């Protein structure tokens, strides 16, 4: 029997790119008066781009990030790995 567990691995550069993208998206949401955390979480859970404003190209920026990569980077950051 073969283990079906998927292993994800992102390089440090990819994590840095994701972080910088999230900062841009966060700032754009805040500038438009939204609660950035709630909006980003809504986007991650639903993958509905309308959670993210088009201000400063935030929607385009976040849509270029693979959701699995985004979640992995967030978990690694939260756990300080």
C-alpha atoms as a PDB file:
ATOM      1  CA  UNK A   1       0.000   0.000   0.000  1.00  0.00           C
ATOM      2  CA  UNK A   2       1.334   3.399  -0.954  1.00  0.00           C
ATOM      3  CA  UNK A   3       0.975   6.482   1.218  1.00  0.00           C
ATOM      4  CA  UNK A   4      -1.247   9.046  -0.546  1.00  0.00           C
ATOM      5  CA  UNK A   5      -0.111  11.993   1.569  1.00  0.00           C
ATOM      6  CA  UNK A   6       0.875  14.965  -0.551  1.00  0.00           C
ATOM      7  CA  UNK A   7       3.994  16.853   0.416  1.00  0.00           C
ATOM      8  CA  UNK A   8       4.157  20.540  -0.391  1.00  0.00           C
ATOM      9  CA  UNK A   9       7.398  22.431  -0.408  1.00  0.00           C
ATOM     10  CA  UNK A  10       7.923  26.075  -1.223  1.00  0.00           C
ATOM     11  CA  UNK A  11      11.232  27.792  -1.428  1.00  0.00           C
ATOM     12  CA  UNK A  12      11.977  30.795   0.745  1.00  0.00           C
ATOM     13  CA  UNK A  13      11.837  33.104  -2.272  1.00  0.00           C
ATOM     14  CA  UNK A  14       8.285  32.019  -3.051  1.00  0.00           C
ATOM     15  CA  UNK A  15       7.260  32.664   0.552  1.00  0.00           C
ATOM     16  CA  UNK A  16       8.771  36.145   0.346  1.00  0.00           C
ATOM     17  CA  UNK A  17       6.890  36.875  -2.880  1.00  0.00           C
ATOM     18  CA  UNK A  18       3.640  35.734  -1.294  1.00  0.00           C
ATOM     19  CA  UNK A  19       4.297  37.887   1.768  1.00  0.00           C
ATOM     20  CA  UNK A  20       4.988  40.971  -0.328  1.00  0.00           C
ATOM     21  CA  UNK A  21       1.851  40.333  -2.385  1.00  0.00           C
ATOM     22  CA  UNK A  22      -0.258  39.952   0.748  1.00  0.00           C
ATOM     23  CA  UNK A  23       1.109  43.209   2.129  1.00  0.00           C
ATOM     24  CA  UNK A  24       0.068  45.027  -1.055  1.00  0.00           C
ATOM     25  CA  UNK A  25      -3.391  43.432  -0.939  1.00  0.00           C
ATOM     26  CA  UNK A  26      -3.758  44.180   2.789  1.00  0.00           C
ATOM     27  CA  UNK A  27      -2.786  47.828   2.291  1.00  0.00           C
ATOM     28  CA  UNK A  28      -5.178  48.215  -0.653  1.00  0.00           C
ATOM     29  CA  UNK A  29      -8.073  46.750   1.332  1.00  0.00           C
ATOM     30  CA  UNK A  30      -7.304  48.957   4.316  1.00  0.00           C
ATOM     31  CA  UNK A  31      -7.050  52.037   2.078  1.00  0.00           C
ATOM     32  CA  UNK A  32     -10.548  51.345   0.755  1.00  0.00           C
ATOM     33  CA  UNK A  33     -11.963  50.989   4.288  1.00  0.00           C
ATOM     34  CA  UNK A  34     -12.357  47.209   4.409  1.00  0.00           C
ATOM     35  CA  UNK A  35     -11.303  44.880   7.212  1.00  0.00           C
ATOM     36  CA  UNK A  36      -8.325  43.300   5.396  1.00  0.00           C
ATOM     37  CA  UNK A  37      -8.156  40.145   7.495  1.00  0.00           C
ATOM     38  CA  UNK A  38     -11.843  39.333   7.020  1.00  0.00           C
ATOM     39  CA  UNK A  39     -11.644  40.010   3.291  1.00  0.00           C
ATOM     40  CA  UNK A  40      -8.515  37.898   2.771  1.00  0.00           C
ATOM     41  CA  UNK A  41      -9.960  35.023   4.805  1.00  0.00           C
ATOM     42  CA  UNK A  42     -13.173  35.226   2.775  1.00  0.00           C
ATOM     43  CA  UNK A  43     -11.140  35.074  -0.418  1.00  0.00           C
ATOM     44  CA  UNK A  44      -9.091  32.098   0.772  1.00  0.00           C
ATOM     45  CA  UNK A  45     -12.159  30.135   1.855  1.00  0.00           C
ATOM     46  CA  UNK A  46     -14.257  30.835  -1.220  1.00  0.00           C
ATOM     47  CA  UNK A  47     -11.664  31.766  -3.861  1.00  0.00           C
ATOM     48  CA  UNK A  48     -14.171  34.457  -4.867  1.00  0.00           C
ATOM     49  CA  UNK A  49     -12.118  37.379  -6.198  1.00  0.00           C
ATOM     50  CA  UNK A  50     -14.792  39.922  -5.281  1.00  0.00           C
ATOM     51  CA  UNK A  51     -13.574  39.762  -1.674  1.00  0.00           C
ATOM     52  CA  UNK A  52     -10.502  41.675  -2.872  1.00  0.00           C
ATOM     53  CA  UNK A  53     -10.634  45.247  -4.125  1.00  0.00           C
ATOM     54  CA  UNK A  54      -9.285  46.194  -7.530  1.00  0.00           C
ATOM     55  CA  UNK A  55      -7.575  49.209  -5.919  1.00  0.00           C
ATOM     56  CA  UNK A  56      -3.809  49.151  -6.645  1.00  0.00           C
ATOM     57  CA  UNK A  57      -4.309  45.936  -8.664  1.00  0.00           C
ATOM     58  CA  UNK A  58      -4.843  43.965  -5.442  1.00  0.00           C
ATOM     59  CA  UNK A  59      -7.293  41.532  -7.041  1.00  0.00           C
ATOM     60  CA  UNK A  60      -4.922  40.777  -9.906  1.00  0.00           C
ATOM     61  CA  UNK A  61      -2.002  40.352  -7.501  1.00  0.00           C
ATOM     62  CA  UNK A  62      -3.743  37.888  -5.207  1.00  0.00           C
ATOM     63  CA  UNK A  63      -5.239  35.935  -8.092  1.00  0.00           C
ATOM     64  CA  UNK A  64      -1.709  35.119  -9.296  1.00  0.00           C
ATOM     65  CA  UNK A  65      -0.980  33.252  -6.048  1.00  0.00           C
ATOM     66  CA  UNK A  66      -1.913  29.570  -5.991  1.00  0.00           C
ATOM     67  CA  UNK A  67      -4.246  29.010  -3.042  1.00  0.00           C
ATOM     68  CA  UNK A  68      -2.311  25.945  -1.822  1.00  0.00           C
ATOM     69  CA  UNK A  69       0.912  27.963  -1.878  1.00  0.00           C
ATOM     70  CA  UNK A  70      -0.796  30.794  -0.025  1.00  0.00           C
ATOM     71  CA  UNK A  71      -2.123  28.495   2.683  1.00  0.00           C
ATOM     72  CA  UNK A  72       1.228  26.776   3.082  1.00  0.00           C
ATOM     73  CA  UNK A  73       3.040  30.094   3.437  1.00  0.00           C
ATOM     74  CA  UNK A  74       0.491  31.298   6.010  1.00  0.00           C
ATOM     75  CA  UNK A  75       0.770  28.111   8.107  1.00  0.00           C
ATOM     76  CA  UNK A  76       4.584  28.183   7.966  1.00  0.00           C
ATOM     77  CA  UNK A  77       4.577  31.820   9.000  1.00  0.00           C
ATOM     78  CA  UNK A  78       2.121  31.200  11.831  1.00  0.00           C
ATOM     79  CA  UNK A  79       4.243  28.343  13.140  1.00  0.00           C
ATOM     80  CA  UNK A  80       7.466  30.328  12.602  1.00  0.00           C
ATOM     81  CA  UNK A  81       8.972  27.602  10.409  1.00  0.00           C
END
